[in-house]
Amino acid sequence: MPRRHLHVTGPADTPLRAALRNLRAELETPDAFPPHVLAEAQDAARAPDLSAHEDATELPFFTIDPPTSTDLDQAMHLEQRPHGFRVRYAIADVAAFVRPGGALDAEAHRRVTTLYFPDGNVPLHPPLLSEGAASLLPGETRPAVLWQIDLDEEGRAVTTDVRRALVRSRAKLDYEGVQQQIDAGTAEEPLALLRDIGRLREAQEIARGGISLNVPEQEIVERDSTYGLAYRAPLPADGWNAQISLLTGMAAARLMADAGTGILRTLPVAPDGAVALLRRSAQALHIDWPHHVPYAQLIRSLDPKRSSHAAFLQECTTLLRGAGYTVFENGELPTPSVHAAVAELYTHCTAPLRRLVDRYAAELCVAAVAGREAPQWVREALPALPKEMADGTRRANTVERESVDVVEAALLKDRVGQVFDGYVVDIKDPDSAVGTVHIEDPAIVARIEGTAAGLPLGERLRVRLMQAEPGSAKVLFAPA
């Protein structure tokens, strides 16, 4: 889970845009796709492998994504049943376009994930596939891996099926529009059920001890050569939609476990020391966290619209460190096998346009339901996937971290020497003169260096901006 989402809008010819271009070069991110990869993508777009796909185009699927997104991995159809619900979740079938061992396959293994910069992304697959022929765009017939998960009246999964199918999305919806329709009572049943199923799945999450972090998005807007920053708090519809993806990831992991071969997304339980550090951050942000209140219960009580709560939710992502991918074979589950935040067996399988491992997870699950062994190209690739994904995820995290530094420096570059109000939310150790400060306005989190006497954790502090220059000097504060 990313620590912060950043989006920049505005003119292309600005210092911030130039600094982001330089950052791409410094991080040696992949650039344009080679001609032979594009040629193979064009051939695949014209003639995908549809030999194993059933016809499910009669089902009125819909997608829910940000308004500007065109790489649409998932489409859903929700249905009320006599004793529960049926979730149909169509996932873009990237394997219908990517030939094992071909140029597209090799390039995907080189890139591993889509990289997200504030002003655009570096895609995993050529856009003519990821934003075109393979994307579940409305009104287009597309190959998909179609999940069908039946739930009981309390939202528990009771049966799972997955197979290849041709699907056609009827509508491309966005979160705000979905929320408005549901709140106004104007949503038709397949969409209106998103709230009902989402809430039931949230209750199931609480019951099993799981937790979802509603981390706000930061939006950076350029106006007349200046920058403004605002948080976008997640809507309830964001969480309901995420629950459908989590449901599918858990169902996929269970299928793999029953088949005896698979790749899981695992996360060990956070050590006591990490939770203790988080308690110090809560104290610093004046968030009441009684010792008898579990971490998960506290998270659910927070309001991401409040800047102090938003900052704390960002700090909470530190407990997700240590997440990785673990392969298992011969029916022997790894240790740990559970994702601590999900509190269940879990895998990534719902974003194959943007993440390499999801294509392999889909193949494993389709084979498991069909009662056959996974394809040889999947079995041969499995041992190397955890390291590939770790390296790719590390690069994606670096892109995000460095992008945050560039954007915040651009936001503050004309305010060096000014004094701000803030709280020290973290220090390296009790006697440390280096820590992290949360600035109230603008709402940013940055490095602070104090004196040998240390920094006052949790106390309101006047701090002076010492440096901020996008592309050269990261944001640094000192006690004023």
Protein backbone atom coordinates (compact mmCIF):
# COMPACT_ATOMS: atom_id res chain seq x y z
CA MET A 1 0.00 0.00 0.00
CA PRO A 2 1.51 3.33 -1.00
CA ARG A 3 2.18 5.86 1.68
CA ARG A 4 0.83 8.82 -0.28
CA HIS A 5 -0.85 9.38 -3.59
CA LEU A 6 0.19 12.58 -5.37
CA HIS A 7 -1.40 14.13 -8.40
CA VAL A 8 -0.19 17.26 -10.18
CA THR A 9 -2.34 19.24 -12.58
CA GLY A 10 -1.49 22.38 -14.51
CA PRO A 11 0.93 23.63 -17.19
CA ALA A 12 3.66 21.34 -18.48
CA ASP A 13 6.41 23.99 -18.54
CA THR A 14 7.05 24.62 -14.85
CA PRO A 15 9.99 24.02 -12.47
CA LEU A 16 8.07 21.21 -10.81
CA ARG A 17 7.47 19.41 -14.12
CA ALA A 18 11.14 19.86 -15.01
CA ALA A 19 12.19 18.43 -11.64
CA LEU A 20 9.94 15.42 -12.17
CA ARG A 21 11.45 14.82 -15.61
CA ASN A 22 14.90 14.94 -14.04
CA LEU A 23 13.77 12.51 -11.35
CA ARG A 24 12.72 10.00 -14.01
CA ALA A 25 16.20 10.20 -15.51
CA GLU A 26 17.97 9.91 -12.13
CA LEU A 27 15.98 6.83 -11.17
CA GLU A 28 16.58 5.27 -14.61
CA THR A 29 12.92 4.41 -14.99
CA PRO A 30 11.97 2.57 -18.18
CA ASP A 31 11.27 4.89 -21.08
CA ALA A 32 9.53 4.17 -24.37
CA PHE A 33 8.77 0.58 -25.28
CA PRO A 34 11.23 -0.93 -27.82
CA PRO A 35 9.92 -1.23 -31.40
CA HIS A 36 9.82 -5.05 -31.35
CA VAL A 37 7.70 -4.97 -28.16
CA LEU A 38 5.28 -2.51 -29.72
CA ALA A 39 5.09 -4.63 -32.86
CA GLU A 40 4.17 -7.70 -30.82
CA ALA A 41 1.60 -5.66 -28.88
CA GLN A 42 -0.02 -4.53 -32.13
CA ASP A 43 -0.28 -8.12 -33.34
CA ALA A 44 -1.75 -9.22 -30.00
CA ALA A 45 -4.26 -6.39 -30.00
CA ARG A 46 -5.48 -7.46 -33.43
CA ALA A 47 -5.69 -11.18 -32.61
CA PRO A 48 -5.79 -12.07 -28.89
CA ASP A 49 -6.08 -15.72 -27.87
CA LEU A 50 -9.81 -16.19 -27.18
CA SER A 51 -9.91 -19.97 -27.61
CA ALA A 52 -10.91 -20.71 -24.00
CA HIS A 53 -13.35 -17.84 -23.40
CA GLU A 54 -17.05 -18.34 -22.78
CA ASP A 55 -19.57 -15.64 -23.74
CA ALA A 56 -20.68 -13.56 -20.75
CA THR A 57 -21.42 -10.36 -22.65
CA GLU A 58 -25.07 -10.44 -21.59
CA LEU A 59 -24.11 -9.43 -18.03
CA PRO A 60 -24.19 -5.63 -17.49
CA PHE A 61 -20.79 -5.09 -15.90
CA PHE A 62 -19.58 -1.67 -14.74
CA THR A 63 -16.21 -0.28 -13.67
CA ILE A 64 -15.35 2.13 -10.85
CA ASP A 65 -12.13 4.11 -11.31
CA PRO A 66 -10.82 7.68 -11.12
CA PRO A 67 -12.38 9.81 -13.89
CA THR A 68 -9.21 10.04 -15.99
CA SER A 69 -8.21 6.35 -15.75
CA THR A 70 -8.19 4.29 -18.93
CA ASP A 71 -6.25 1.22 -17.75
CA LEU A 72 -9.31 -0.54 -16.35
CA ASP A 73 -8.45 -3.88 -14.72
CA GLN A 74 -11.74 -4.72 -13.01
CA ALA A 75 -15.45 -4.70 -13.80
CA MET A 76 -18.19 -6.01 -11.52
CA HIS A 77 -21.78 -7.18 -11.52
CA LEU A 78 -23.59 -7.63 -8.20
CA GLU A 79 -26.76 -9.63 -7.69
CA GLN A 80 -29.14 -10.33 -4.81
CA ARG A 81 -29.78 -14.04 -4.25
CA PRO A 82 -32.48 -15.80 -2.18
CA HIS A 83 -30.02 -16.43 0.66
CA GLY A 84 -27.26 -13.93 0.02
CA PHE A 85 -25.43 -12.32 -2.87
CA ARG A 86 -23.50 -13.17 -6.01
CA VAL A 87 -20.38 -11.17 -6.88
CA ARG A 88 -19.14 -11.41 -10.44
CA TYR A 89 -15.75 -9.75 -10.86
CA ALA A 90 -14.18 -9.59 -14.31
CA ILE A 91 -10.41 -9.05 -14.36
CA ALA A 92 -8.62 -8.08 -17.57
CA ASP A 93 -7.14 -11.23 -19.11
CA VAL A 94 -3.63 -10.05 -19.91
CA ALA A 95 -2.56 -13.61 -20.76
CA ALA A 96 -4.83 -13.45 -23.82
CA PHE A 97 -2.41 -10.85 -25.23
CA VAL A 98 0.99 -11.70 -23.72
CA ARG A 99 2.67 -14.80 -25.16
CA PRO A 100 4.88 -16.62 -22.61
CA GLY A 101 8.53 -16.12 -23.53
CA GLY A 102 7.73 -13.39 -26.08
CA ALA A 103 8.89 -9.80 -26.25
CA LEU A 104 5.90 -8.45 -24.28
CA ASP A 105 6.48 -11.02 -21.57
CA ALA A 106 10.18 -10.18 -21.28
CA GLU A 107 9.45 -6.45 -21.12
CA ALA A 108 6.82 -6.97 -18.42
CA HIS A 109 9.38 -8.89 -16.35
CA ARG A 110 11.80 -5.99 -16.81
CA ARG A 111 9.25 -3.41 -15.64
CA VAL A 112 7.34 -5.52 -13.05
CA THR A 113 4.87 -2.76 -12.06
CA THR A 114 3.41 0.44 -13.40
CA LEU A 115 5.26 3.38 -11.84
CA TYR A 116 3.19 6.33 -10.70
CA PHE A 117 4.66 9.81 -10.81
CA PRO A 118 2.59 12.85 -9.79
CA ASP A 119 2.37 14.00 -13.41
CA GLY A 120 1.84 10.64 -15.14
CA ASN A 121 2.82 6.99 -15.09
CA VAL A 122 5.32 4.58 -16.62
CA PRO A 123 3.14 1.63 -17.66
CA LEU A 124 3.82 -2.07 -17.27
CA HIS A 125 2.37 -2.85 -20.70
CA PRO A 126 2.21 -0.73 -23.87
CA PRO A 127 -0.76 1.68 -23.66
CA LEU A 128 -2.31 0.23 -26.82
CA LEU A 129 -2.96 -2.82 -24.64
CA SER A 130 -3.24 -1.48 -21.09
CA GLU A 131 -5.37 1.51 -22.10
CA GLY A 132 -6.86 -0.05 -25.22
CA ALA A 133 -7.33 -3.63 -26.35
CA ALA A 134 -6.92 -5.27 -22.92
CA SER A 135 -8.65 -2.58 -20.86
CA LEU A 136 -12.27 -3.19 -19.78
CA LEU A 137 -13.51 -0.03 -21.48
CA PRO A 138 -17.26 0.56 -21.66
CA GLY A 139 -19.05 -0.72 -24.75
CA GLU A 140 -16.15 -2.98 -25.77
CA THR A 141 -16.05 -6.79 -25.73
CA ARG A 142 -12.95 -7.87 -23.83
CA PRO A 143 -11.36 -11.14 -22.68
CA ALA A 144 -11.47 -11.50 -18.91
CA VAL A 145 -10.82 -13.86 -16.05
CA LEU A 146 -14.31 -13.99 -14.58
CA TRP A 147 -14.72 -14.62 -10.87
CA GLN A 148 -18.07 -15.69 -9.42
CA ILE A 149 -18.19 -15.64 -5.62
CA ASP A 150 -21.41 -16.42 -3.78
CA LEU A 151 -21.89 -14.90 -0.32
CA ASP A 152 -24.31 -15.79 2.43
CA GLU A 153 -26.60 -13.25 4.08
CA GLU A 154 -23.79 -12.08 6.37
CA GLY A 155 -21.31 -11.60 3.55
CA ARG A 156 -19.24 -14.75 4.05
CA ALA A 157 -17.92 -16.44 0.90
CA VAL A 158 -19.50 -19.86 0.41
CA THR A 159 -18.56 -20.85 -3.17
CA THR A 160 -15.99 -19.64 -5.70
CA ASP A 161 -15.71 -20.19 -9.42
CA VAL A 162 -13.28 -18.67 -11.93
CA ARG A 163 -13.01 -19.14 -15.68
CA ARG A 164 -12.21 -17.25 -18.84
CA ALA A 165 -14.99 -15.27 -20.50
CA LEU A 166 -15.76 -12.47 -22.90
CA VAL A 167 -17.37 -9.54 -21.08
CA ARG A 168 -18.68 -6.11 -21.98
CA SER A 169 -18.77 -3.24 -19.50
CA ARG A 170 -21.82 -1.01 -19.82
CA ALA A 171 -20.59 1.98 -17.82
CA LYS A 172 -17.38 3.60 -16.57
CA LEU A 173 -18.23 5.09 -13.17
CA ASP A 174 -16.12 7.13 -10.74
CA TYR A 175 -16.14 7.12 -6.95
CA GLU A 176 -17.84 10.45 -6.41
CA GLY A 177 -20.59 9.67 -8.91
CA VAL A 178 -21.14 6.25 -7.34
CA GLN A 179 -21.35 7.77 -3.87
CA GLN A 180 -23.84 10.39 -5.04
CA GLN A 181 -26.09 7.82 -6.72
CA ILE A 182 -26.08 5.49 -3.73
CA ASP A 183 -26.68 8.31 -1.22
CA ALA A 184 -29.51 9.74 -3.33
CA GLY A 185 -31.15 6.33 -3.73
CA THR A 186 -31.02 6.57 -7.53
CA ALA A 187 -28.56 3.70 -8.10
CA GLU A 188 -29.95 0.62 -9.82
CA GLU A 189 -29.65 -2.70 -7.98
CA PRO A 190 -26.26 -3.92 -9.27
CA LEU A 191 -24.67 -0.66 -8.11
CA ALA A 192 -26.83 -0.12 -5.03
CA LEU A 193 -25.72 -3.54 -3.75
CA LEU A 194 -22.14 -2.27 -3.56
CA ARG A 195 -23.00 -0.54 -0.28
CA ASP A 196 -24.79 -3.57 1.15
CA ILE A 197 -22.05 -6.03 0.21
CA GLY A 198 -19.29 -3.57 1.09
CA ARG A 199 -20.65 -3.03 4.59
CA LEU A 200 -21.08 -6.76 5.16
CA ARG A 201 -17.51 -7.38 4.05
CA GLU A 202 -16.28 -4.57 6.32
CA ALA A 203 -18.07 -6.29 9.21
CA GLN A 204 -16.39 -9.56 8.25
CA GLU A 205 -13.05 -7.75 8.22
CA ILE A 206 -13.63 -6.50 11.76
CA ALA A 207 -14.65 -9.98 12.91
CA ARG A 208 -11.48 -11.63 11.63
CA GLY A 209 -9.24 -8.83 12.96
CA GLY A 210 -8.33 -7.22 9.64
CA ILE A 211 -7.83 -3.53 8.96
CA SER A 212 -8.06 -1.27 5.91
CA LEU A 213 -6.19 2.04 5.98
CA ASN A 214 -8.17 4.90 4.47
CA VAL A 215 -5.07 6.90 3.59
CA PRO A 216 -6.03 10.26 1.99
CA GLU A 217 -4.66 11.31 -1.38
CA GLN A 218 -2.63 14.48 -1.64
CA GLU A 219 -3.41 16.66 -4.63
CA ILE A 220 -0.95 19.31 -5.80
CA VAL A 221 -2.50 21.98 -8.01
CA GLU A 222 -0.45 24.50 -9.99
CA ARG A 223 -1.92 27.99 -10.37
CA ASP A 224 -0.09 31.00 -11.78
CA SER A 225 3.35 29.53 -11.03
CA THR A 226 2.40 28.73 -7.42
CA TYR A 227 1.33 25.50 -5.81
CA GLY A 228 -1.51 24.53 -3.52
CA LEU A 229 -1.94 21.32 -1.57
CA ALA A 230 -5.11 19.57 -0.46
CA TYR A 231 -6.11 16.16 0.87
CA ARG A 232 -8.82 14.03 -0.77
CA ALA A 233 -10.32 11.86 1.93
CA PRO A 234 -11.53 8.47 0.69
CA LEU A 235 -15.27 8.10 0.25
CA PRO A 236 -17.22 5.15 1.65
CA ALA A 237 -17.56 3.94 -1.96
CA ASP A 238 -13.73 3.69 -2.15
CA GLY A 239 -13.78 1.27 0.76
CA TRP A 240 -16.73 -0.77 -0.55
CA ASN A 241 -15.01 -1.14 -3.91
CA ALA A 242 -11.76 -2.18 -2.20
CA GLN A 243 -13.65 -4.87 -0.28
CA ILE A 244 -14.63 -6.55 -3.56
CA SER A 245 -10.97 -6.72 -4.55
CA LEU A 246 -9.95 -8.02 -1.11
CA LEU A 247 -12.70 -10.65 -1.29
CA THR A 248 -11.32 -11.86 -4.62
CA GLY A 249 -7.73 -11.90 -3.38
CA MET A 250 -8.72 -14.03 -0.40
CA ALA A 251 -10.76 -16.39 -2.57
CA ALA A 252 -7.80 -16.75 -4.93
CA ALA A 253 -5.41 -17.53 -2.08
CA ARG A 254 -7.75 -20.18 -0.75
CA LEU A 255 -8.00 -21.82 -4.18
CA MET A 256 -4.21 -21.94 -4.39
CA ALA A 257 -3.91 -23.35 -0.89
CA ASP A 258 -6.40 -26.10 -1.69
CA ALA A 259 -4.55 -26.91 -4.93
CA GLY A 260 -1.20 -27.00 -3.14
CA THR A 261 0.68 -24.52 -5.37
CA GLY A 262 0.58 -20.76 -5.46
CA ILE A 263 2.03 -17.37 -4.59
CA LEU A 264 0.73 -15.44 -1.59
CA ARG A 265 1.01 -11.85 -0.49
CA THR A 266 2.21 -12.18 3.09
CA LEU A 267 2.82 -9.76 5.96
CA PRO A 268 4.11 -10.72 9.42
CA VAL A 269 2.47 -9.27 12.50
CA ALA A 270 4.04 -5.92 13.38
CA PRO A 271 6.59 -6.16 16.21
CA ASP A 272 5.78 -4.48 19.52
CA GLY A 273 8.45 -1.88 18.88
CA ALA A 274 6.76 -0.68 15.69
CA VAL A 275 3.42 -0.32 17.49
CA ALA A 276 5.15 1.57 20.31
CA LEU A 277 6.61 4.03 17.80
CA LEU A 278 3.17 4.47 16.30
CA ARG A 279 1.77 5.24 19.76
CA ARG A 280 4.36 8.00 20.06
CA SER A 281 3.18 9.44 16.74
CA ALA A 282 -0.42 9.35 17.99
CA GLN A 283 0.63 11.22 21.11
CA ALA A 284 2.49 13.76 19.00
CA LEU A 285 -0.61 14.40 16.90
CA HIS A 286 -2.83 14.58 20.01
CA ILE A 287 -4.79 11.48 19.04
CA ASP A 288 -6.23 9.75 22.08
CA TRP A 289 -5.20 6.09 22.02
CA PRO A 290 -6.01 4.38 25.34
CA HIS A 291 -3.85 1.35 26.03
CA HIS A 292 -6.85 -0.98 26.13
CA VAL A 293 -7.95 0.06 22.62
CA PRO A 294 -6.61 -2.20 19.83
CA TYR A 295 -4.86 -0.62 16.87
CA ALA A 296 -7.58 -1.73 14.43
CA GLN A 297 -10.32 -0.15 16.56
CA LEU A 298 -8.43 3.14 16.74
CA ILE A 299 -7.97 3.26 12.96
CA ARG A 300 -11.71 2.87 12.39
CA SER A 301 -12.41 5.83 14.68
CA LEU A 302 -10.26 8.29 12.73
CA ASP A 303 -11.53 10.93 10.32
CA PRO A 304 -9.22 11.20 7.27
CA LYS A 305 -10.66 14.68 6.58
CA ARG A 306 -8.80 16.01 9.65
CA SER A 307 -5.18 16.84 8.87
CA SER A 308 -3.81 15.33 12.10
CA HIS A 309 -5.72 12.11 11.49
CA ALA A 310 -4.60 12.08 7.86
CA ALA A 311 -0.98 12.43 8.96
CA PHE A 312 -1.38 9.60 11.46
CA LEU A 313 -2.95 7.32 8.85
CA GLN A 314 0.09 7.94 6.67
CA GLU A 315 2.35 6.99 9.58
CA CYS A 316 0.31 3.80 10.07
CA THR A 317 1.54 2.48 6.75
CA THR A 318 4.87 1.80 8.49
CA LEU A 319 3.22 -1.29 9.99
CA LEU A 320 2.89 -2.67 6.46
CA ARG A 321 6.66 -2.87 6.05
CA GLY A 322 7.78 -6.41 5.56
CA ALA A 323 5.03 -7.37 3.13
CA GLY A 324 6.25 -9.70 0.41
CA TYR A 325 5.39 -12.47 -2.01
CA THR A 326 5.87 -16.09 -0.99
CA VAL A 327 5.70 -19.12 -3.26
CA PHE A 328 4.58 -22.51 -1.98
CA GLU A 329 4.40 -25.93 -3.60
CA ASN A 330 3.48 -29.51 -2.68
CA GLY A 331 0.71 -28.29 -0.37
CA GLU A 332 3.09 -26.83 2.23
CA LEU A 333 1.99 -23.31 3.15
CA PRO A 334 4.78 -20.88 4.08
CA THR A 335 5.33 -19.32 7.50
CA PRO A 336 3.88 -16.78 7.82
CA SER A 337 1.17 -17.56 5.30
CA VAL A 338 -1.33 -14.89 6.33
CA HIS A 339 -1.29 -11.19 5.48
CA ALA A 340 -1.51 -9.55 8.92
CA ALA A 341 -3.53 -6.53 7.75
CA VAL A 342 -6.00 -8.71 5.85
CA ALA A 343 -5.95 -11.31 8.66
CA GLU A 344 -6.39 -14.12 6.15
CA LEU A 345 -4.66 -15.92 3.31
CA TYR A 346 -4.40 -13.36 0.52
CA THR A 347 -2.87 -12.84 -2.90
CA HIS A 348 -2.73 -10.17 -5.59
CA CYS A 349 -4.81 -11.11 -8.61
CA THR A 350 -7.02 -8.13 -9.54
CA ALA A 351 -4.63 -5.68 -11.25
CA PRO A 352 -2.79 -7.55 -14.05
CA LEU A 353 -2.56 -4.48 -16.28
CA ARG A 354 -0.43 -2.81 -13.61
CA ARG A 355 1.27 -5.62 -11.67
CA LEU A 356 3.19 -8.60 -13.05
CA VAL A 357 2.32 -11.22 -10.41
CA ASP A 358 -1.44 -10.95 -10.96
CA ARG A 359 -1.23 -12.62 -14.38
CA TYR A 360 0.38 -15.68 -12.80
CA ALA A 361 -2.08 -15.79 -9.89
CA ALA A 362 -4.98 -15.84 -12.38
CA GLU A 363 -3.51 -18.81 -14.25
CA LEU A 364 -3.00 -20.75 -11.01
CA CYS A 365 -6.62 -20.17 -9.98
CA VAL A 366 -8.15 -21.00 -13.36
CA ALA A 367 -6.16 -24.26 -13.35
CA ALA A 368 -7.17 -25.04 -9.76
CA VAL A 369 -10.89 -24.70 -10.49
CA ALA A 370 -10.54 -26.79 -13.65
CA GLY A 371 -8.76 -29.51 -11.66
CA ARG A 372 -5.63 -29.45 -13.75
CA GLU A 373 -1.98 -28.54 -13.23
CA ALA A 374 -0.98 -24.95 -13.90
CA PRO A 375 0.72 -24.30 -17.28
CA GLN A 376 4.41 -25.07 -17.41
CA TRP A 377 5.33 -21.42 -18.12
CA VAL A 378 3.64 -20.46 -14.86
CA ARG A 379 5.35 -23.16 -12.81
CA GLU A 380 8.75 -22.29 -14.28
CA ALA A 381 8.36 -18.58 -13.47
CA LEU A 382 7.12 -19.01 -9.89
CA PRO A 383 10.46 -19.39 -8.05
CA ALA A 384 11.80 -16.10 -9.40
CA LEU A 385 8.62 -14.05 -8.94
CA PRO A 386 9.07 -13.06 -5.26
CA LYS A 387 12.44 -11.42 -5.92
CA GLU A 388 11.22 -9.81 -9.14
CA MET A 389 8.22 -8.37 -7.33
CA ALA A 390 10.35 -7.25 -4.38
CA ASP A 391 12.72 -5.39 -6.70
CA GLY A 392 9.85 -3.86 -8.66
CA THR A 393 7.99 -2.83 -5.52
CA ARG A 394 11.16 -1.31 -4.10
CA ARG A 395 11.56 0.77 -7.26
CA ALA A 396 7.91 1.86 -7.10
CA ASN A 397 8.35 2.91 -3.45
CA THR A 398 11.47 4.89 -4.35
CA VAL A 399 9.56 6.67 -7.11
CA GLU A 400 6.83 7.57 -4.65
CA ARG A 401 9.19 8.71 -1.90
CA GLU A 402 11.35 10.82 -4.19
CA SER A 403 8.27 12.28 -5.88
CA VAL A 404 6.95 13.40 -2.50
CA ASP A 405 10.28 15.14 -1.82
CA VAL A 406 10.20 16.93 -5.18
CA VAL A 407 6.58 18.06 -4.85
CA GLU A 408 6.94 19.30 -1.29
CA ALA A 409 10.13 21.17 -2.18
CA ALA A 410 8.31 22.83 -5.08
CA LEU A 411 5.44 23.73 -2.78
CA LEU A 412 7.77 25.45 -0.30
CA LYS A 413 10.67 26.70 -2.43
CA ASP A 414 9.67 30.38 -2.12
CA ARG A 415 9.14 30.17 1.64
CA VAL A 416 12.65 29.33 2.89
CA GLY A 417 13.25 31.20 6.12
CA GLN A 418 9.58 31.38 7.09
CA VAL A 419 8.27 29.98 10.36
CA PHE A 420 5.49 27.38 10.58
CA ASP A 421 3.49 25.61 13.29
CA GLY A 422 3.96 21.88 13.60
CA TYR A 423 4.39 18.80 15.77
CA VAL A 424 7.33 16.42 15.93
CA VAL A 425 5.66 13.08 15.21
CA ASP A 426 8.74 10.86 15.31
CA ILE A 427 12.37 10.93 16.45
CA LYS A 428 15.11 8.39 15.88
CA ASP A 429 15.68 7.83 19.61
CA PRO A 430 14.94 9.75 22.85
CA ASP A 431 18.14 11.79 22.59
CA SER A 432 18.06 12.28 18.84
CA ALA A 433 18.25 15.69 17.18
CA VAL A 434 16.76 14.32 13.97
CA GLY A 435 13.11 13.50 13.44
CA THR A 436 9.94 14.00 11.47
CA VAL A 437 7.70 17.04 11.76
CA HIS A 438 4.06 17.39 10.70
CA ILE A 439 3.35 20.92 9.48
CA GLU A 440 -0.24 22.06 10.02
CA ASP A 441 -0.48 24.39 7.02
CA PRO A 442 0.39 23.33 4.39
CA ALA A 443 -0.28 19.74 5.46
CA ILE A 444 3.08 18.08 4.84
CA VAL A 445 5.42 15.75 6.71
CA ALA A 446 9.15 16.48 6.49
CA ARG A 447 12.55 16.03 8.13
CA ILE A 448 13.58 18.20 11.07
CA GLU A 449 17.03 18.60 12.60
CA GLY A 450 17.28 20.09 16.07
CA THR A 451 19.94 20.62 18.70
CA ALA A 452 21.92 18.21 20.82
CA ALA A 453 19.21 18.52 23.50
CA GLY A 454 16.81 16.60 21.29
CA LEU A 455 13.37 17.37 19.89
CA PRO A 456 10.15 17.80 21.91
CA LEU A 457 8.05 14.85 20.76
CA GLY A 458 4.35 15.65 20.64
CA GLU A 459 4.56 19.31 21.62
CA ARG A 460 3.47 22.20 19.43
CA LEU A 461 6.62 23.64 17.93
CA ARG A 462 7.49 26.67 15.86
CA VAL A 463 9.84 25.55 13.09
CA ARG A 464 11.78 27.38 10.41
CA LEU A 465 12.11 26.15 6.83
CA MET A 466 15.84 25.81 6.16
CA GLN A 467 15.89 24.44 2.61
CA ALA A 468 13.53 23.48 -0.22
CA GLU A 469 14.52 23.29 -3.85
CA PRO A 470 12.89 20.75 -6.18
CA GLY A 471 15.47 18.49 -7.73
CA SER A 472 18.38 19.50 -5.52
CA ALA A 473 17.59 20.22 -1.85
CA LYS A 474 14.97 18.23 0.03
CA VAL A 475 12.69 19.96 2.51
CA LEU A 476 14.37 20.51 5.88
CA PHE A 477 13.09 22.28 9.01
CA ALA A 478 14.74 23.33 12.26
CA PRO A 479 13.27 24.53 15.55
CA ALA A 480 12.67 28.26 15.38
